[in-house]
C-alpha cells in the first residue's frame, strides 16, 4: 500500500471516530474517503476489531455478529451498493 498523505480534514475525522457513534464520509468517487477512514481508524482505534459485511450479507447478520462483541468498528464501505443488494434479496 502506498504511504498515506495526510489531509487537512484528518483531525476532524479522527475526532469523530474517537467520539464514537456513526461517522459518515461522503464525496466524489475519487476523493479517497475509504483510505481516509482506514487511516483514521488505524490511528485512533488500533485495538478494535473491524467488522466489514460482504455486500450480499444481510444487515441483520452483521448486527448479530457485532452485538456479541464489544469494541469493534463496523465498516460499511459502498453503502449504496450494499443497500441495493439488500433490496433485491
N, C-alpha and C. Protein backbone atom coordinates (compact mmCIF):
# COMPACT_ATOMS: atom_id res chain seq x y z
N UNK A 1 0.85 -1.17 0.00
CA UNK A 1 0.00 0.00 0.00
C UNK A 1 0.90 1.24 0.00
N UNK A 2 0.59 2.22 -0.83
CA UNK A 2 1.39 3.44 -0.84
C UNK A 2 1.30 4.18 0.49
N UNK A 3 2.31 4.97 0.78
CA UNK A 3 2.30 5.77 2.02
C UNK A 3 1.11 6.72 2.00
N UNK A 4 0.51 6.90 3.17
CA UNK A 4 -0.64 7.80 3.28
C UNK A 4 -0.17 9.24 3.32
N UNK A 5 -0.82 10.07 2.54
CA UNK A 5 -0.54 11.50 2.55
C UNK A 5 -1.67 12.17 3.32
N UNK A 6 -1.33 12.75 4.46
CA UNK A 6 -2.33 13.38 5.31
C UNK A 6 -3.08 14.50 4.63
N UNK A 7 -4.22 14.83 5.20
CA UNK A 7 -5.07 15.89 4.67
C UNK A 7 -5.46 16.85 5.78
N UNK A 8 -5.96 17.99 5.39
CA UNK A 8 -6.41 18.98 6.37
C UNK A 8 -7.54 18.45 7.24
N UNK A 9 -8.35 17.56 6.72
CA UNK A 9 -9.53 17.06 7.44
C UNK A 9 -9.21 15.90 8.39
N UNK A 10 -8.00 15.38 8.38
CA UNK A 10 -7.65 14.22 9.21
C UNK A 10 -8.02 14.42 10.68
N UNK A 11 -7.72 15.56 11.24
CA UNK A 11 -8.01 15.81 12.65
C UNK A 11 -9.49 15.76 12.96
N UNK A 12 -10.31 16.32 12.08
CA UNK A 12 -11.77 16.30 12.29
C UNK A 12 -12.31 14.88 12.22
N UNK A 13 -11.80 14.10 11.26
CA UNK A 13 -12.25 12.72 11.14
C UNK A 13 -11.79 11.92 12.36
N UNK A 14 -10.55 12.11 12.78
CA UNK A 14 -10.04 11.43 13.98
C UNK A 14 -10.91 11.76 15.19
N UNK A 15 -11.29 13.02 15.36
CA UNK A 15 -12.15 13.42 16.48
C UNK A 15 -13.50 12.73 16.43
N UNK A 16 -14.07 12.64 15.24
CA UNK A 16 -15.37 11.98 15.07
C UNK A 16 -15.27 10.49 15.38
N UNK A 17 -14.22 9.85 14.90
CA UNK A 17 -14.01 8.42 15.17
C UNK A 17 -13.79 8.20 16.66
N UNK A 18 -13.00 9.03 17.28
CA UNK A 18 -12.71 8.92 18.71
C UNK A 18 -13.99 9.09 19.55
N UNK A 19 -14.89 9.97 19.12
CA UNK A 19 -16.13 10.23 19.85
C UNK A 19 -17.08 9.04 19.80
N UNK A 20 -16.93 8.20 18.79
CA UNK A 20 -17.79 7.03 18.66
C UNK A 20 -19.07 7.37 17.94
N UNK A 21 -19.90 6.38 17.79
CA UNK A 21 -21.14 6.57 17.07
C UNK A 21 -20.94 6.37 15.59
N UNK A 22 -21.82 6.94 14.82
CA UNK A 22 -21.83 6.76 13.37
C UNK A 22 -21.04 7.89 12.72
N UNK A 23 -20.08 7.55 11.89
CA UNK A 23 -19.29 8.54 11.15
C UNK A 23 -19.49 8.26 9.67
N UNK A 24 -19.95 9.26 8.94
CA UNK A 24 -20.20 9.12 7.52
C UNK A 24 -19.30 10.07 6.75
N UNK A 25 -18.56 9.53 5.81
CA UNK A 25 -17.75 10.34 4.91
C UNK A 25 -18.39 10.28 3.53
N UNK A 26 -18.62 11.42 2.94
CA UNK A 26 -19.20 11.44 1.59
C UNK A 26 -18.37 12.35 0.71
N UNK A 27 -18.43 12.11 -0.57
CA UNK A 27 -17.69 12.92 -1.52
C UNK A 27 -17.59 12.22 -2.85
N UNK A 28 -16.82 12.81 -3.74
CA UNK A 28 -16.63 12.25 -5.07
C UNK A 28 -16.03 10.85 -4.98
N UNK A 29 -16.25 10.05 -6.01
CA UNK A 29 -15.78 8.66 -6.00
C UNK A 29 -14.27 8.55 -5.92
N UNK A 30 -13.55 9.55 -6.34
CA UNK A 30 -12.08 9.51 -6.32
C UNK A 30 -11.49 10.32 -5.17
N UNK A 31 -12.30 10.65 -4.18
CA UNK A 31 -11.83 11.51 -3.08
C UNK A 31 -10.98 10.78 -2.05
N UNK A 32 -10.85 9.47 -2.16
CA UNK A 32 -10.04 8.65 -1.25
C UNK A 32 -10.63 8.63 0.17
N UNK A 33 -11.95 8.57 0.25
CA UNK A 33 -12.65 8.51 1.54
C UNK A 33 -12.34 7.22 2.28
N UNK A 34 -12.28 6.12 1.56
CA UNK A 34 -12.01 4.83 2.19
C UNK A 34 -10.64 4.84 2.85
N UNK A 35 -9.65 5.34 2.16
CA UNK A 35 -8.30 5.39 2.74
C UNK A 35 -8.26 6.32 3.94
N UNK A 36 -8.93 7.46 3.86
CA UNK A 36 -9.01 8.39 4.99
C UNK A 36 -9.63 7.72 6.20
N UNK A 37 -10.73 7.01 6.01
CA UNK A 37 -11.39 6.31 7.11
C UNK A 37 -10.50 5.22 7.68
N UNK A 38 -9.88 4.45 6.82
CA UNK A 38 -8.99 3.38 7.27
C UNK A 38 -7.85 3.94 8.12
N UNK A 39 -7.20 4.97 7.64
CA UNK A 39 -6.07 5.56 8.38
C UNK A 39 -6.52 6.15 9.70
N UNK A 40 -7.70 6.74 9.73
CA UNK A 40 -8.22 7.30 10.98
C UNK A 40 -8.48 6.21 12.01
N UNK A 41 -9.14 5.14 11.59
CA UNK A 41 -9.41 4.02 12.50
C UNK A 41 -8.10 3.40 12.98
N UNK A 42 -7.15 3.27 12.08
CA UNK A 42 -5.84 2.71 12.44
C UNK A 42 -5.13 3.58 13.48
N UNK A 43 -5.23 4.91 13.33
CA UNK A 43 -4.58 5.82 14.29
C UNK A 43 -5.30 5.87 15.62
N UNK A 44 -6.62 5.99 15.57
CA UNK A 44 -7.41 6.28 16.76
C UNK A 44 -7.86 5.04 17.51
N UNK A 45 -8.17 3.97 16.81
CA UNK A 45 -8.72 2.76 17.43
C UNK A 45 -7.94 1.51 16.99
N UNK A 46 -6.65 1.49 17.18
CA UNK A 46 -5.84 0.39 16.65
C UNK A 46 -6.15 -0.97 17.25
N UNK A 47 -6.78 -1.02 18.42
CA UNK A 47 -7.05 -2.29 19.09
C UNK A 47 -8.47 -2.81 18.82
N UNK A 48 -9.24 -2.10 18.02
CA UNK A 48 -10.62 -2.51 17.76
C UNK A 48 -10.70 -3.53 16.64
N UNK A 49 -11.66 -4.42 16.76
CA UNK A 49 -11.94 -5.41 15.72
C UNK A 49 -12.73 -4.73 14.61
N UNK A 50 -12.38 -4.99 13.38
CA UNK A 50 -13.06 -4.41 12.23
C UNK A 50 -14.03 -5.44 11.66
N UNK A 51 -15.30 -5.07 11.55
CA UNK A 51 -16.32 -5.95 11.00
C UNK A 51 -16.83 -5.31 9.71
N UNK A 52 -16.60 -5.98 8.60
CA UNK A 52 -16.99 -5.44 7.30
C UNK A 52 -17.85 -6.47 6.58
N UNK A 53 -19.15 -6.24 6.51
CA UNK A 53 -20.02 -7.22 5.86
C UNK A 53 -19.80 -7.28 4.36
N UNK A 54 -19.97 -8.47 3.82
CA UNK A 54 -19.93 -8.66 2.37
C UNK A 54 -21.19 -8.00 1.83
N UNK A 55 -21.11 -7.32 0.68
CA UNK A 55 -22.30 -6.63 0.18
C UNK A 55 -23.57 -7.47 0.13
N UNK A 56 -23.45 -8.76 -0.09
CA UNK A 56 -24.65 -9.60 -0.16
C UNK A 56 -25.15 -10.04 1.21
N UNK A 57 -24.35 -9.83 2.23
CA UNK A 57 -24.75 -10.25 3.57
C UNK A 57 -25.83 -9.31 4.08
N UNK A 58 -26.80 -9.85 4.78
CA UNK A 58 -27.87 -9.00 5.29
C UNK A 58 -27.39 -8.14 6.45
N UNK A 59 -28.03 -7.02 6.62
CA UNK A 59 -27.70 -6.15 7.74
C UNK A 59 -27.99 -6.88 9.05
N UNK A 60 -29.02 -7.68 9.09
CA UNK A 60 -29.36 -8.43 10.30
C UNK A 60 -28.20 -9.34 10.73
N UNK A 61 -27.60 -10.04 9.79
CA UNK A 61 -26.48 -10.92 10.12
C UNK A 61 -25.31 -10.13 10.67
N UNK A 62 -25.05 -8.96 10.10
CA UNK A 62 -23.97 -8.12 10.59
C UNK A 62 -24.26 -7.65 12.02
N UNK A 63 -25.48 -7.22 12.27
CA UNK A 63 -25.86 -6.76 13.60
C UNK A 63 -25.72 -7.89 14.61
N UNK A 64 -26.13 -9.08 14.25
CA UNK A 64 -25.97 -10.23 15.15
C UNK A 64 -24.50 -10.49 15.45
N UNK A 65 -23.65 -10.32 14.47
CA UNK A 65 -22.22 -10.54 14.66
C UNK A 65 -21.64 -9.54 15.65
N UNK A 66 -21.98 -8.28 15.50
CA UNK A 66 -21.37 -7.26 16.37
C UNK A 66 -22.05 -7.12 17.72
N UNK A 67 -23.27 -7.60 17.85
CA UNK A 67 -23.98 -7.50 19.13
C UNK A 67 -23.25 -8.26 20.22
N UNK A 68 -22.66 -9.38 19.87
CA UNK A 68 -21.95 -10.19 20.86
C UNK A 68 -20.54 -9.70 21.13
N UNK A 69 -20.08 -8.76 20.37
CA UNK A 69 -18.70 -8.26 20.53
C UNK A 69 -18.73 -6.82 20.99
N UNK A 70 -17.77 -6.47 21.79
CA UNK A 70 -17.60 -5.08 22.20
C UNK A 70 -16.34 -4.56 21.53
N UNK A 71 -16.26 -3.28 21.48
CA UNK A 71 -15.06 -2.64 20.95
C UNK A 71 -14.76 -3.07 19.52
N UNK A 72 -15.72 -2.82 18.65
CA UNK A 72 -15.49 -3.12 17.25
C UNK A 72 -15.89 -1.92 16.40
N UNK A 73 -15.41 -1.92 15.19
CA UNK A 73 -15.75 -0.90 14.21
C UNK A 73 -16.50 -1.60 13.10
N UNK A 74 -17.70 -1.12 12.80
CA UNK A 74 -18.48 -1.67 11.69
C UNK A 74 -18.14 -0.84 10.46
N UNK A 75 -17.62 -1.49 9.44
CA UNK A 75 -17.14 -0.82 8.24
C UNK A 75 -18.16 -1.03 7.13
N UNK A 76 -18.83 0.05 6.75
CA UNK A 76 -19.82 -0.03 5.67
C UNK A 76 -19.34 0.78 4.48
N UNK A 77 -18.46 0.19 3.71
CA UNK A 77 -17.96 0.83 2.51
C UNK A 77 -18.94 0.53 1.38
N UNK A 78 -19.14 1.47 0.51
CA UNK A 78 -20.07 1.29 -0.61
C UNK A 78 -21.48 0.97 -0.11
N UNK A 79 -21.99 1.79 0.80
CA UNK A 79 -23.30 1.55 1.41
C UNK A 79 -24.40 1.48 0.37
N UNK A 80 -24.35 2.33 -0.63
CA UNK A 80 -25.41 2.29 -1.65
C UNK A 80 -25.47 0.94 -2.34
N UNK A 81 -24.33 0.36 -2.65
CA UNK A 81 -24.27 -0.94 -3.30
C UNK A 81 -24.85 -2.01 -2.37
N UNK A 82 -24.46 -1.97 -1.10
CA UNK A 82 -24.97 -2.96 -0.13
C UNK A 82 -26.47 -2.81 0.03
N UNK A 83 -26.97 -1.58 0.09
CA UNK A 83 -28.40 -1.36 0.26
C UNK A 83 -29.18 -1.84 -0.95
N UNK A 84 -28.64 -1.60 -2.14
CA UNK A 84 -29.29 -2.07 -3.35
C UNK A 84 -29.36 -3.58 -3.37
N UNK A 85 -28.26 -4.24 -2.97
CA UNK A 85 -28.23 -5.69 -2.93
C UNK A 85 -29.24 -6.24 -1.95
N UNK A 86 -29.39 -5.57 -0.83
CA UNK A 86 -30.34 -5.99 0.21
C UNK A 86 -31.77 -5.86 -0.31
N UNK A 87 -32.05 -4.79 -1.03
CA UNK A 87 -33.41 -4.57 -1.54
C UNK A 87 -33.78 -5.65 -2.55
N UNK A 88 -32.82 -6.09 -3.34
CA UNK A 88 -33.10 -7.14 -4.32
C UNK A 88 -33.27 -8.50 -3.68
N UNK A 89 -32.55 -8.72 -2.56
CA UNK A 89 -32.52 -10.03 -1.93
C UNK A 89 -33.77 -10.30 -1.21
